[in-house]
PDB file of N, CA and C in Angstrom:
ATOM      1  N   UNK A   1      22.295  -2.353  -0.340  1.00  0.00           N
ATOM      2  CA  UNK A   1      20.430  -2.745  -0.763  1.00  0.00           C
ATOM      3  C   UNK A   1      20.427  -2.132  -2.266  1.00  0.00           C
ATOM      4  N   UNK A   2      19.981  -2.554  -3.039  1.00  0.00           N
ATOM      5  CA  UNK A   2      19.385  -2.435  -4.480  1.00  0.00           C
ATOM      6  C   UNK A   2      18.358  -1.408  -4.118  1.00  0.00           C
ATOM      7  N   UNK A   3      18.598  -0.840  -5.608  1.00  0.00           N
ATOM      8  CA  UNK A   3      17.371   0.604  -5.448  1.00  0.00           C
ATOM      9  C   UNK A   3      16.085  -0.277  -6.167  1.00  0.00           C
ATOM     10  N   UNK A   4      14.874   0.086  -5.277  1.00  0.00           N
ATOM     11  CA  UNK A   4      13.785  -0.339  -5.622  1.00  0.00           C
ATOM     12  C   UNK A   4      13.662   0.562  -6.548  1.00  0.00           C
ATOM     13  N   UNK A   5      12.333  -0.252  -7.677  1.00  0.00           N
ATOM     14  CA  UNK A   5      11.555   0.267  -9.162  1.00  0.00           C
ATOM     15  C   UNK A   5      10.614   0.234  -8.638  1.00  0.00           C
ATOM     16  N   UNK A   6       9.907   1.514  -9.013  1.00  0.00           N
ATOM     17  CA  UNK A   6       8.634   1.737  -9.201  1.00  0.00           C
ATOM     18  C   UNK A   6       7.510   1.163 -10.336  1.00  0.00           C
ATOM     19  N   UNK A   7       6.398   1.233 -10.267  1.00  0.00           N
ATOM     20  CA  UNK A   7       5.834   0.003 -11.783  1.00  0.00           C
ATOM     21  C   UNK A   7       6.343   0.884 -13.185  1.00  0.00           C
ATOM     22  N   UNK A   8       6.639   2.484 -13.038  1.00  0.00           N
ATOM     23  CA  UNK A   8       7.230   2.932 -14.102  1.00  0.00           C
ATOM     24  C   UNK A   8       8.950   2.568 -14.406  1.00  0.00           C
ATOM     25  N   UNK A   9       9.095   1.794 -13.563  1.00  0.00           N
ATOM     26  CA  UNK A   9      10.540   1.084 -13.860  1.00  0.00           C
ATOM     27  C   UNK A   9      11.606   2.514 -13.571  1.00  0.00           C
ATOM     28  N   UNK A  10      11.410   3.299 -12.799  1.00  0.00           N
ATOM     29  CA  UNK A  10      12.263   4.322 -12.727  1.00  0.00           C
ATOM     30  C   UNK A  10      11.997   3.916 -10.857  1.00  0.00           C
ATOM     31  N   UNK A  11      13.199   4.844 -10.100  1.00  0.00           N
ATOM     32  CA  UNK A  11      13.435   4.984  -8.546  1.00  0.00           C
ATOM     33  C   UNK A  11      12.492   5.344  -7.972  1.00  0.00           C
ATOM     34  N   UNK A  12      12.111   4.296  -7.108  1.00  0.00           N
ATOM     35  CA  UNK A  12      10.898   4.167  -6.135  1.00  0.00           C
ATOM     36  C   UNK A  12      10.736   5.015  -5.051  1.00  0.00           C
ATOM     37  N   UNK A  13       9.526   6.145  -5.378  1.00  0.00           N
ATOM     38  CA  UNK A  13       9.621   7.342  -4.531  1.00  0.00           C
ATOM     39  C   UNK A  13       8.990   6.958  -2.972  1.00  0.00           C
ATOM     40  N   UNK A  14       9.085   7.636  -2.112  1.00  0.00           N
ATOM     41  CA  UNK A  14       8.175   7.434  -0.885  1.00  0.00           C
ATOM     42  C   UNK A  14       7.083   7.120  -1.236  1.00  0.00           C
ATOM     43  N   UNK A  15       6.574   6.523  -0.035  1.00  0.00           N
ATOM     44  CA  UNK A  15       4.750   6.410  -0.112  1.00  0.00           C
ATOM     45  C   UNK A  15       4.350   7.486   0.814  1.00  0.00           C
ATOM     46  N   UNK A  16       5.419   7.363   2.194  1.00  0.00           N
ATOM     47  CA  UNK A  16       4.790   7.933   3.209  1.00  0.00           C
ATOM     48  C   UNK A  16       5.355   8.220   4.408  1.00  0.00           C
ATOM     49  N   UNK A  17       6.060   9.123   4.961  1.00  0.00           N
ATOM     50  CA  UNK A  17       6.729   9.382   6.170  1.00  0.00           C
ATOM     51  C   UNK A  17       5.799   9.599   7.550  1.00  0.00           C
ATOM     52  N   UNK A  18       4.679  10.480   7.030  1.00  0.00           N
ATOM     53  CA  UNK A  18       3.511  10.271   8.121  1.00  0.00           C
ATOM     54  C   UNK A  18       2.687  10.538   7.804  1.00  0.00           C
ATOM     55  N   UNK A  19       2.350   9.243   8.546  1.00  0.00           N
ATOM     56  CA  UNK A  19       2.547   8.399   9.041  1.00  0.00           C
ATOM     57  C   UNK A  19       3.943   7.188   8.359  1.00  0.00           C
ATOM     58  N   UNK A  20       4.680   6.924   9.336  1.00  0.00           N
ATOM     59  CA  UNK A  20       5.535   6.426   8.764  1.00  0.00           C
ATOM     60  C   UNK A  20       5.133   4.688   8.208  1.00  0.00           C
ATOM     61  N   UNK A  21       5.647   4.417   6.782  1.00  0.00           N
ATOM     62  CA  UNK A  21       4.777   3.059   6.622  1.00  0.00           C
ATOM     63  C   UNK A  21       6.381   2.802   5.961  1.00  0.00           C
ATOM     64  N   UNK A  22       5.861   1.287   5.328  1.00  0.00           N
ATOM     65  CA  UNK A  22       6.384   0.200   4.888  1.00  0.00           C
ATOM     66  C   UNK A  22       6.688  -0.975   5.379  1.00  0.00           C
ATOM     67  N   UNK A  23       7.392  -1.782   5.397  1.00  0.00           N
ATOM     68  CA  UNK A  23       7.946  -2.970   6.101  1.00  0.00           C
ATOM     69  C   UNK A  23       9.053  -2.811   6.826  1.00  0.00           C
ATOM     70  N   UNK A  24       9.708  -1.719   6.631  1.00  0.00           N
ATOM     71  CA  UNK A  24      11.132  -1.624   7.140  1.00  0.00           C
ATOM     72  C   UNK A  24      10.434  -0.103   8.153  1.00  0.00           C
ATOM     73  N   UNK A  25       9.253   0.570   7.790  1.00  0.00           N
ATOM     74  CA  UNK A  25       9.089   1.788   8.516  1.00  0.00           C
ATOM     75  C   UNK A  25      10.384   2.805   7.779  1.00  0.00           C
ATOM     76  N   UNK A  26      10.503   2.745   6.486  1.00  0.00           N
ATOM     77  CA  UNK A  26      11.327   3.771   6.350  1.00  0.00           C
ATOM     78  C   UNK A  26      10.481   4.539   5.053  1.00  0.00           C
ATOM     79  N   UNK A  27       9.674   4.922   4.908  1.00  0.00           N
ATOM     80  CA  UNK A  27       8.535   5.212   4.065  1.00  0.00           C
ATOM     81  C   UNK A  27       8.261   4.578   2.841  1.00  0.00           C
ATOM     82  N   UNK A  28       9.163   3.406   2.362  1.00  0.00           N
ATOM     83  CA  UNK A  28       8.857   2.895   1.288  1.00  0.00           C
ATOM     84  C   UNK A  28       8.729   1.633   0.972  1.00  0.00           C
ATOM     85  N   UNK A  29       7.607   1.220  -0.148  1.00  0.00           N
ATOM     86  CA  UNK A  29       6.991   0.108  -0.159  1.00  0.00           C
ATOM     87  C   UNK A  29       7.809  -0.641  -0.795  1.00  0.00           C
ATOM     88  N   UNK A  30       8.866  -1.206  -0.370  1.00  0.00           N
ATOM     89  CA  UNK A  30      10.146  -2.099  -0.863  1.00  0.00           C
ATOM     90  C   UNK A  30       9.334  -3.911  -0.861  1.00  0.00           C
ATOM     91  N   UNK A  31      10.152  -4.091  -1.754  1.00  0.00           N
ATOM     92  CA  UNK A  31      10.013  -5.540  -2.152  1.00  0.00           C
ATOM     93  C   UNK A  31      11.096  -6.245  -1.576  1.00  0.00           C
ATOM     94  N   UNK A  32      10.920  -6.996  -0.034  1.00  0.00           N
ATOM     95  CA  UNK A  32      11.948  -7.541   0.411  1.00  0.00           C
ATOM     96  C   UNK A  32      11.122  -9.302   0.530  1.00  0.00           C
ATOM     97  N   UNK A  33      12.525 -10.015   0.734  1.00  0.00           N
ATOM     98  CA  UNK A  33      12.363 -11.401   0.960  1.00  0.00           C
ATOM     99  C   UNK A  33      11.792 -11.821   2.011  1.00  0.00           C
ATOM    100  N   UNK A  34      11.972 -10.951   3.410  1.00  0.00           N
ATOM    101  CA  UNK A  34      11.612 -11.156   4.628  1.00  0.00           C
ATOM    102  C   UNK A  34       9.860 -10.851   4.887  1.00  0.00           C
ATOM    103  N   UNK A  35       9.543 -10.361   3.864  1.00  0.00           N
ATOM    104  CA  UNK A  35       8.316  -9.870   3.809  1.00  0.00           C
ATOM    105  C   UNK A  35       6.963 -10.282   3.388  1.00  0.00           C
ATOM    106  N   UNK A  36       6.528 -11.302   4.036  1.00  0.00           N
ATOM    107  CA  UNK A  36       5.796 -12.328   3.399  1.00  0.00           C
ATOM    108  C   UNK A  36       4.273 -11.690   3.224  1.00  0.00           C
ATOM    109  N   UNK A  37       3.871 -10.357   3.501  1.00  0.00           N
ATOM    110  CA  UNK A  37       2.503  -9.700   3.452  1.00  0.00           C
ATOM    111  C   UNK A  37       2.814  -8.816   2.424  1.00  0.00           C
ATOM    112  N   UNK A  38       4.142  -8.853   1.575  1.00  0.00           N
ATOM    113  CA  UNK A  38       4.279  -8.067   0.587  1.00  0.00           C
ATOM    114  C   UNK A  38       3.405  -6.600   0.607  1.00  0.00           C
ATOM    115  N   UNK A  39       4.551  -5.912   1.115  1.00  0.00           N
ATOM    116  CA  UNK A  39       3.867  -4.438   1.275  1.00  0.00           C
ATOM    117  C   UNK A  39       4.150  -3.674   0.411  1.00  0.00           C
ATOM    118  N   UNK A  40       3.819  -3.465  -0.723  1.00  0.00           N
ATOM    119  CA  UNK A  40       4.415  -2.930  -2.160  1.00  0.00           C
ATOM    120  C   UNK A  40       3.366  -1.863  -2.817  1.00  0.00           C
ATOM    121  N   UNK A  41       2.300  -1.859  -2.385  1.00  0.00           N
ATOM    122  CA  UNK A  41       1.742  -0.696  -3.219  1.00  0.00           C
ATOM    123  C   UNK A  41       1.022   0.084  -2.192  1.00  0.00           C
ATOM    124  N   UNK A  42       1.623   1.305  -2.653  1.00  0.00           N
ATOM    125  CA  UNK A  42       0.919   2.683  -1.674  1.00  0.00           C
ATOM    126  C   UNK A  42      -0.486   3.130  -1.984  1.00  0.00           C
ATOM    127  N   UNK A  43      -1.351   3.281  -1.153  1.00  0.00           N
ATOM    128  CA  UNK A  43      -2.416   3.077  -1.345  1.00  0.00           C
ATOM    129  C   UNK A  43      -2.733   4.848  -0.670  1.00  0.00           C
ATOM    130  N   UNK A  44      -3.756   4.999  -1.105  1.00  0.00           N
ATOM    131  CA  UNK A  44      -4.302   6.424  -0.072  1.00  0.00           C
ATOM    132  C   UNK A  44      -5.821   5.845   0.127  1.00  0.00           C
ATOM    133  N   UNK A  45      -5.535   5.879   1.907  1.00  0.00           N
ATOM    134  CA  UNK A  45      -6.596   5.476   2.411  1.00  0.00           C
ATOM    135  C   UNK A  45      -7.820   5.898   2.461  1.00  0.00           C
ATOM    136  N   UNK A  46      -9.062   5.493   2.238  1.00  0.00           N
ATOM    137  CA  UNK A  46     -10.572   5.771   2.500  1.00  0.00           C
ATOM    138  C   UNK A  46     -11.376   5.206   3.552  1.00  0.00           C
ATOM    139  N   UNK A  47     -12.338   5.904   3.809  1.00  0.00           N
ATOM    140  CA  UNK A  47     -12.861   5.076   5.284  1.00  0.00           C
ATOM    141  C   UNK A  47     -13.427   3.926   4.598  1.00  0.00           C
ATOM    142  N   UNK A  48     -14.308   3.828   3.140  1.00  0.00           N
ATOM    143  CA  UNK A  48     -14.761   2.839   2.989  1.00  0.00           C
ATOM    144  C   UNK A  48     -13.604   1.478   3.017  1.00  0.00           C
ATOM    145  N   UNK A  49     -12.681   1.249   2.977  1.00  0.00           N
ATOM    146  CA  UNK A  49     -11.727   0.592   2.519  1.00  0.00           C
ATOM    147  C   UNK A  49     -11.202   0.199   4.306  1.00  0.00           C
ATOM    148  N   UNK A  50     -11.277   1.177   4.980  1.00  0.00           N
ATOM    149  CA  UNK A  50     -10.648   0.979   6.349  1.00  0.00           C
ATOM    150  C   UNK A  50     -11.798   0.240   6.961  1.00  0.00           C
ATOM    151  N   UNK A  51     -12.962   0.303   6.822  1.00  0.00           N
ATOM    152  CA  UNK A  51     -13.969  -0.108   6.999  1.00  0.00           C
ATOM    153  C   UNK A  51     -13.996  -2.229   6.686  1.00  0.00           C
ATOM    154  N   UNK A  52     -13.483  -1.856   5.585  1.00  0.00           N
ATOM    155  CA  UNK A  52     -13.530  -3.547   5.000  1.00  0.00           C
ATOM    156  C   UNK A  52     -12.531  -4.000   5.290  1.00  0.00           C
ATOM    157  N   UNK A  53     -11.236  -3.093   5.606  1.00  0.00           N
ATOM    158  CA  UNK A  53      -9.891  -4.144   6.151  1.00  0.00           C
ATOM    159  C   UNK A  53     -10.262  -4.488   7.595  1.00  0.00           C
ATOM    160  N   UNK A  54     -11.308  -3.797   8.330  1.00  0.00           N
ATOM    161  CA  UNK A  54     -11.182  -4.290   9.967  1.00  0.00           C
ATOM    162  C   UNK A  54     -12.382  -5.583   9.651  1.00  0.00           C
ATOM    163  N   UNK A  55     -13.231  -5.478   9.004  1.00  0.00           N
ATOM    164  CA  UNK A  55     -14.335  -6.543   8.831  1.00  0.00           C
ATOM    165  C   UNK A  55     -13.526  -7.563   8.308  1.00  0.00           C
ATOM    166  N   UNK A  56     -12.504  -7.732   7.835  1.00  0.00           N
ATOM    167  CA  UNK A  56     -11.449  -8.752   7.238  1.00  0.00           C
ATOM    168  C   UNK A  56     -10.652  -8.941   8.082  1.00  0.00           C
ATOM    169  N   UNK A  57     -10.641  -8.500   9.616  1.00  0.00           N
ATOM    170  CA  UNK A  57      -9.994  -8.888  10.285  1.00  0.00           C
ATOM    171  C   UNK A  57      -8.301  -7.917  10.743  1.00  0.00           C
ATOM    172  N   UNK A  58      -8.135  -7.132   9.970  1.00  0.00           N
ATOM    173  CA  UNK A  58      -7.098  -6.123  10.029  1.00  0.00           C
ATOM    174  C   UNK A  58      -7.558  -4.514  10.139  1.00  0.00           C
ATOM    175  N   UNK A  59      -7.928  -4.079  11.887  1.00  0.00           N
ATOM    176  CA  UNK A  59      -7.902  -2.863  12.184  1.00  0.00           C
ATOM    177  C   UNK A  59      -7.013  -2.212  11.689  1.00  0.00           C
ATOM    178  N   UNK A  60      -6.998  -0.917  10.596  1.00  0.00           N
ATOM    179  CA  UNK A  60      -5.730  -0.317  10.772  1.00  0.00           C
ATOM    180  C   UNK A  60      -6.185   1.037  11.059  1.00  0.00           C
ATOM    181  N   UNK A  61      -7.001   1.121  11.639  1.00  0.00           N
ATOM    182  CA  UNK A  61      -7.425   2.571  12.316  1.00  0.00           C
ATOM    183  C   UNK A  61      -6.919   2.566  13.904  1.00  0.00           C
ATOM    184  N   UNK A  62      -6.882   1.283  14.790  1.00  0.00           N
ATOM    185  CA  UNK A  62      -6.341   1.777  16.194  1.00  0.00           C
ATOM    186  C   UNK A  62      -5.011   1.517  16.214  1.00  0.00           C
ATOM    187  N   UNK A  63      -4.501   2.771  16.800  1.00  0.00           N
ATOM    188  CA  UNK A  63      -2.868   2.551  16.817  1.00  0.00           C
ATOM    189  C   UNK A  63      -2.736   1.558  17.690  1.00  0.00           C
ATOM    190  N   UNK A  64      -1.574   1.212  17.631  1.00  0.00           N
ATOM    191  CA  UNK A  64      -0.860  -0.007  17.948  1.00  0.00           C
ATOM    192  C   UNK A  64       0.714   0.215  18.117  1.00  0.00           C
ATOM    193  N   UNK A  65       0.966   0.989  19.525  1.00  0.00           N
ATOM    194  CA  UNK A  65       2.481   1.526  19.624  1.00  0.00           C
ATOM    195  C   UNK A  65       3.232   0.400  19.594  1.00  0.00           C
ATOM    196  N   UNK A  66       2.768  -0.492  20.031  1.00  0.00           N
ATOM    197  CA  UNK A  66       4.005  -1.564  20.333  1.00  0.00           C
ATOM    198  C   UNK A  66       4.382  -2.173  19.142  1.00  0.00           C
ATOM    199  N   UNK A  67       3.682  -1.873  18.155  1.00  0.00           N
ATOM    200  CA  UNK A  67       4.243  -2.275  16.454  1.00  0.00           C
ATOM    201  C   UNK A  67       4.288  -0.991  15.852  1.00  0.00           C
ATOM    202  N   UNK A  68       4.718  -0.257  16.124  1.00  0.00           N
ATOM    203  CA  UNK A  68       4.763   1.274  15.933  1.00  0.00           C
ATOM    204  C   UNK A  68       4.142   1.642  14.698  1.00  0.00           C
ATOM    205  N   UNK A  69       2.794   1.463  15.261  1.00  0.00           N
ATOM    206  CA  UNK A  69       1.650   1.707  14.349  1.00  0.00           C
ATOM    207  C   UNK A  69       0.924   2.708  14.878  1.00  0.00           C
ATOM    208  N   UNK A  70       0.734   4.087  14.116  1.00  0.00           N
ATOM    209  CA  UNK A  70      -0.214   4.835  14.429  1.00  0.00           C
ATOM    210  C   UNK A  70      -1.539   4.861  14.262  1.00  0.00           C
ATOM    211  N   UNK A  71      -2.151   3.915  13.760  1.00  0.00           N
ATOM    212  CA  UNK A  71      -3.768   3.774  13.449  1.00  0.00           C
ATOM    213  C   UNK A  71      -3.624   5.216  12.186  1.00  0.00           C
ATOM    214  N   UNK A  72      -4.659   4.467  11.568  1.00  0.00           N
ATOM    215  CA  UNK A  72      -4.587   5.263  10.254  1.00  0.00           C
ATOM    216  C   UNK A  72      -6.063   5.883   9.772  1.00  0.00           C
ATOM    217  N   UNK A  73      -6.293   6.998   8.935  1.00  0.00           N
ATOM    218  CA  UNK A  73      -7.393   7.597   8.663  1.00  0.00           C
ATOM    219  C   UNK A  73      -7.554   8.269   7.428  1.00  0.00           C
ATOM    220  N   UNK A  74      -8.645   8.369   6.409  1.00  0.00           N
ATOM    221  CA  UNK A  74      -8.707   8.585   5.410  1.00  0.00           C
ATOM    222  C   UNK A  74      -7.763   9.479   5.063  1.00  0.00           C
ATOM    223  N   UNK A  75      -7.438   9.410   3.505  1.00  0.00           N
ATOM    224  CA  UNK A  75      -6.286  10.711   3.236  1.00  0.00           C
ATOM    225  C   UNK A  75      -4.526   9.929   3.657  1.00  0.00           C
ATOM    226  N   UNK A  76      -4.580   9.711   4.465  1.00  0.00           N
ATOM    227  CA  UNK A  76      -2.829   8.539   4.758  1.00  0.00           C
ATOM    228  C   UNK A  76      -2.961   7.964   3.964  1.00  0.00           C
ATOM    229  N   UNK A  77      -1.698   8.115   3.720  1.00  0.00           N
ATOM    230  CA  UNK A  77      -1.139   7.291   2.465  1.00  0.00           C
ATOM    231  C   UNK A  77      -0.495   5.641   3.070  1.00  0.00           C
ATOM    232  N   UNK A  78      -0.419   4.815   2.634  1.00  0.00           N
ATOM    233  CA  UNK A  78       0.288   3.665   3.280  1.00  0.00           C
ATOM    234  C   UNK A  78       0.743   2.428   2.258  1.00  0.00           C
ATOM    235  N   UNK A  79       1.421   1.602   2.764  1.00  0.00           N
ATOM    236  CA  UNK A  79       1.857   0.455   2.235  1.00  0.00           C
ATOM    237  C   UNK A  79       1.067  -0.834   2.584  1.00  0.00           C
ATOM    238  N   UNK A  80       0.300  -0.856   1.458  1.00  0.00           N
ATOM    239  CA  UNK A  80      -0.470  -2.226   1.800  1.00  0.00           C
ATOM    240  C   UNK A  80      -0.230  -3.185   1.474  1.00  0.00           C
ATOM    241  N   UNK A  81      -0.572  -4.627   1.888  1.00  0.00           N
ATOM    242  CA  UNK A  81      -0.332  -6.095   1.387  1.00  0.00           C
ATOM    243  C   UNK A  81      -0.965  -6.150   0.088  1.00  0.00           C
ATOM    244  N   UNK A  82      -0.194  -6.710  -0.856  1.00  0.00           N
ATOM    245  CA  UNK A  82      -0.996  -6.816  -2.054  1.00  0.00           C
ATOM    246  C   UNK A  82      -2.098  -7.510  -2.424  1.00  0.00           C
ATOM    247  N   UNK A  83      -2.241  -8.426  -1.934  1.00  0.00           N
ATOM    248  CA  UNK A  83      -3.433  -9.394  -1.460  1.00  0.00           C
ATOM    249  C   UNK A  83      -4.436  -8.641  -1.123  1.00  0.00           C
ATOM    250  N   UNK A  84      -4.491  -7.799  -0.038  1.00  0.00           N
ATOM    251  CA  UNK A  84      -5.470  -7.075   0.752  1.00  0.00           C
ATOM    252  C   UNK A  84      -5.904  -6.199  -0.510  1.00  0.00           C
ATOM    253  N   UNK A  85      -5.296  -5.443  -1.082  1.00  0.00           N
ATOM    254  CA  UNK A  85      -5.630  -4.493  -1.999  1.00  0.00           C
ATOM    255  C   UNK A  85      -6.310  -4.987  -3.177  1.00  0.00           C
ATOM    256  N   UNK A  86      -5.868  -6.629  -3.400  1.00  0.00           N
ATOM    257  CA  UNK A  86      -6.726  -6.933  -4.564  1.00  0.00           C
ATOM    258  C   UNK A  86      -7.633  -7.521  -4.097  1.00  0.00           C
ATOM    259  N   UNK A  87      -8.146  -7.864  -2.992  1.00  0.00           N
ATOM    260  CA  UNK A  87      -9.099  -8.034  -2.645  1.00  0.00           C
ATOM    261  C   UNK A  87     -10.324  -7.188  -2.301  1.00  0.00           C
ATOM    262  N   UNK A  88      -9.708  -5.949  -1.959  1.00  0.00           N
ATOM    263  CA  UNK A  88     -10.551  -4.801  -1.908  1.00  0.00           C
ATOM    264  C   UNK A  88     -10.933  -3.982  -3.522  1.00  0.00           C
ATOM    265  N   UNK A  89      -9.808  -4.599  -4.119  1.00  0.00           N
ATOM    266  CA  UNK A  89     -10.494  -4.237  -5.906  1.00  0.00           C
ATOM    267  C   UNK A  89     -11.547  -5.074  -6.028  1.00  0.00           C
ATOM    268  N   UNK A  90     -11.474  -6.408  -5.852  1.00  0.00           N
ATOM    269  CA  UNK A  90     -12.275  -7.382  -5.827  1.00  0.00           C
ATOM    270  C   UNK A  90     -14.009  -7.021  -5.566  1.00  0.00           C
ATOM    271  N   UNK A  91     -13.863  -6.294  -4.563  1.00  0.00           N
ATOM    272  CA  UNK A  91     -15.048  -6.297  -3.669  1.00  0.00           C
ATOM    273  C   UNK A  91     -15.525  -4.685  -4.006  1.00  0.00           C
ATOM    274  N   UNK A  92     -14.592  -3.752  -5.053  1.00  0.00           N
ATOM    275  CA  UNK A  92     -15.264  -2.593  -5.146  1.00  0.00           C
ATOM    276  C   UNK A  92     -14.942  -1.498  -4.187  1.00  0.00           C
ATOM    277  N   UNK A  93     -14.071  -1.766  -3.495  1.00  0.00           N
ATOM    278  CA  UNK A  93     -13.479  -0.653  -2.719  1.00  0.00           C
ATOM    279  C   UNK A  93     -11.859  -0.408  -2.484  1.00  0.00           C
ATOM    280  N   UNK A  94     -11.154  -0.923  -3.619  1.00  0.00           N
ATOM    281  CA  UNK A  94     -10.102  -0.663  -3.615  1.00  0.00           C
ATOM    282  C   UNK A  94      -9.261   0.966  -3.530  1.00  0.00           C
ATOM    283  N   UNK A  95      -8.440   0.905  -2.899  1.00  0.00           N
ATOM    284  CA  UNK A  95      -8.169   2.754  -2.466  1.00  0.00           C
ATOM    285  C   UNK A  95      -7.275   2.565  -3.747  1.00  0.00           C
ATOM    286  N   UNK A  96      -7.380   4.052  -4.040  1.00  0.00           N
ATOM    287  CA  UNK A  96      -6.743   4.623  -5.184  1.00  0.00           C
ATOM    288  C   UNK A  96      -4.966   4.470  -4.743  1.00  0.00           C
ATOM    289  N   UNK A  97      -3.814   4.349  -6.040  1.00  0.00           N
ATOM    290  CA  UNK A  97      -2.582   4.038  -5.663  1.00  0.00           C
ATOM    291  C   UNK A  97      -2.081   4.973  -6.273  1.00  0.00           C
ATOM    292  N   UNK A  98      -0.752   5.575  -5.307  1.00  0.00           N
ATOM    293  CA  UNK A  98       0.263   6.187  -6.136  1.00  0.00           C
ATOM    294  C   UNK A  98       1.405   5.334  -6.926  1.00  0.00           C
ATOM    295  N   UNK A  99       1.132   5.350  -7.998  1.00  0.00           N
ATOM    296  CA  UNK A  99       2.028   4.513  -8.727  1.00  0.00           C
ATOM    297  C   UNK A  99       3.731   4.880  -8.870  1.00  0.00           C
ATOM    298  N   UNK A 100       4.109   5.861  -8.537  1.00  0.00           N
ATOM    299  CA  UNK A 100       5.210   6.614  -8.685  1.00  0.00           C
ATOM    300  C   UNK A 100       6.078   5.507  -7.180  1.00  0.00           C
ATOM    301  N   UNK A 101       4.993   5.448  -6.337  1.00  0.00           N
ATOM    302  CA  UNK A 101       5.502   4.931  -4.869  1.00  0.00           C
ATOM    303  C   UNK A 101       5.209   3.349  -5.078  1.00  0.00           C
ATOM    304  N   UNK A 102       4.506   2.612  -5.684  1.00  0.00           N
ATOM    305  CA  UNK A 102       4.190   1.210  -5.880  1.00  0.00           C
ATOM    306  C   UNK A 102       5.607   0.717  -6.574  1.00  0.00           C
ATOM    307  N   UNK A 103       6.010  -0.316  -5.867  1.00  0.00           N
ATOM    308  CA  UNK A 103       6.607  -1.385  -6.429  1.00  0.00           C
ATOM    309  C   UNK A 103       6.232  -1.943  -7.525  1.00  0.00           C
ATOM    310  N   UNK A 104       7.618  -2.080  -8.261  1.00  0.00           N
ATOM    311  CA  UNK A 104       7.499  -2.795  -9.745  1.00  0.00           C
ATOM    312  C   UNK A 104       6.880  -4.066  -9.363  1.00  0.00           C
ATOM    313  N   UNK A 105       7.260  -4.946  -8.509  1.00  0.00           N
ATOM    314  CA  UNK A 105       7.266  -6.188  -8.036  1.00  0.00           C
ATOM    315  C   UNK A 105       5.722  -6.273  -8.527  1.00  0.00           C
ATOM    316  N   UNK A 106       4.763  -5.820  -7.902  1.00  0.00           N
ATOM    317  CA  UNK A 106       3.405  -5.827  -7.917  1.00  0.00           C
ATOM    318  C   UNK A 106       3.071  -6.201  -9.481  1.00  0.00           C
ATOM    319  N   UNK A 107       3.539  -5.918 -10.752  1.00  0.00           N
ATOM    320  CA  UNK A 107       3.329  -6.453 -12.170  1.00  0.00           C
ATOM    321  C   UNK A 107       3.309  -7.543 -12.439  1.00  0.00           C
ATOM    322  N   UNK A 108       3.726  -8.525 -11.597  1.00  0.00           N
ATOM    323  CA  UNK A 108       4.034  -9.733 -11.892  1.00  0.00           C
ATOM    324  C   UNK A 108       2.447 -10.327 -11.204  1.00  0.00           C
ATOM    325  N   UNK A 109       1.526  -9.855 -10.721  1.00  0.00           N
ATOM    326  CA  UNK A 109       0.063 -10.171  -9.931  1.00  0.00           C
ATOM    327  C   UNK A 109      -1.101  -9.083 -10.580  1.00  0.00           C
ATOM    328  N   UNK A 110      -0.567  -7.752 -11.244  1.00  0.00           N
ATOM    329  CA  UNK A 110      -1.459  -7.303 -10.911  1.00  0.00           C
ATOM    330  C   UNK A 110      -1.329  -6.246 -12.679  1.00  0.00           C
ATOM    331  N   UNK A 111      -2.371  -6.669 -13.323  1.00  0.00           N
ATOM    332  CA  UNK A 111      -2.240  -5.528 -15.027  1.00  0.00           C
ATOM    333  C   UNK A 111      -2.007  -4.492 -14.570  1.00  0.00           C
ATOM    334  N   UNK A 112      -1.377  -3.808 -15.277  1.00  0.00           N
ATOM    335  CA  UNK A 112      -1.255  -2.496 -15.279  1.00  0.00           C
ATOM    336  C   UNK A 112      -2.143  -1.540 -15.792  1.00  0.00           C
ATOM    337  N   UNK A 113      -3.020  -2.262 -16.314  1.00  0.00           N
ATOM    338  CA  UNK A 113      -4.231  -1.204 -16.646  1.00  0.00           C
ATOM    339  C   UNK A 113      -5.068  -1.217 -15.643  1.00  0.00           C
ATOM    340  N   UNK A 114      -4.957  -2.024 -14.319  1.00  0.00           N
ATOM    341  CA  UNK A 114      -6.149  -2.399 -13.109  1.00  0.00           C
ATOM    342  C   UNK A 114      -5.116  -1.268 -12.192  1.00  0.00           C
ATOM    343  N   UNK A 115      -4.066  -0.991 -12.321  1.00  0.00           N
ATOM    344  CA  UNK A 115      -3.763  -0.139 -11.407  1.00  0.00           C
ATOM    345  C   UNK A 115      -3.820   1.501 -12.184  1.00  0.00           C
ATOM    346  N   UNK A 116      -3.616   1.549 -13.211  1.00  0.00           N
ATOM    347  CA  UNK A 116      -3.795   2.428 -13.935  1.00  0.00           C
ATOM    348  C   UNK A 116      -5.360   2.955 -13.709  1.00  0.00           C
ATOM    349  N   UNK A 117      -6.683   2.271 -13.430  1.00  0.00           N
ATOM    350  CA  UNK A 117      -8.146   2.540 -12.996  1.00  0.00           C
ATOM    351  C   UNK A 117      -8.082   2.683 -12.044  1.00  0.00           C
ATOM    352  N   UNK A 118      -6.992   2.625 -10.855  1.00  0.00           N
ATOM    353  CA  UNK A 118      -7.044   2.708  -9.570  1.00  0.00           C
ATOM    354  C   UNK A 118      -5.749   4.135  -9.303  1.00  0.00           C
ATOM    355  N   UNK A 119      -5.522   4.634 -10.559  1.00  0.00           N
ATOM    356  CA  UNK A 119      -4.560   5.770  -9.783  1.00  0.00           C
ATOM    357  C   UNK A 119      -4.743   6.647  -9.000  1.00  0.00           C
ATOM    358  N   UNK A 120      -4.126   7.055  -7.782  1.00  0.00           N
ATOM    359  CA  UNK A 120      -4.507   8.185  -7.366  1.00  0.00           C
ATOM    360  C   UNK A 120      -4.462   9.826  -8.438  1.00  0.00           C
ATOM    361  N   UNK A 121      -5.378  10.444  -8.119  1.00  0.00           N
ATOM    362  CA  UNK A 121      -5.650  11.878  -8.548  1.00  0.00           C
ATOM    363  C   UNK A 121      -6.237  11.704  -9.697  1.00  0.00           C
ATOM    364  N   UNK A 122      -6.942  10.641 -10.454  1.00  0.00           N
ATOM    365  CA  UNK A 122      -7.612  10.469 -11.574  1.00  0.00           C
ATOM    366  C   UNK A 122      -8.762  10.979 -11.169  1.00  0.00           C
TER     367      UNK A 122
END
């Protein structure tokens, strides 16, 4: 497996191991051909975003053990689908992003300034 890079072009850092995230549930927001949802954005959950996602038909709060999904709460880091994050940004509730753990593949669709505006800890 090649080494994934983050938006800075350096080695991709893990997003979260508790809860374990990523398409492969290995903690990383990898760019993978099989991942049609593109779980490449390492985002820090907020109550506002979780409610937004639930209203859009993707309940990220309720645990789904059959999918190895623990359910999320505000403060958790999670590899979000790129399209959902962009949708939330447009709606004004895009969660903050951990840039060191966000895959560089998103740069094909997201302006770096938009990422910096949503940088976690700013």
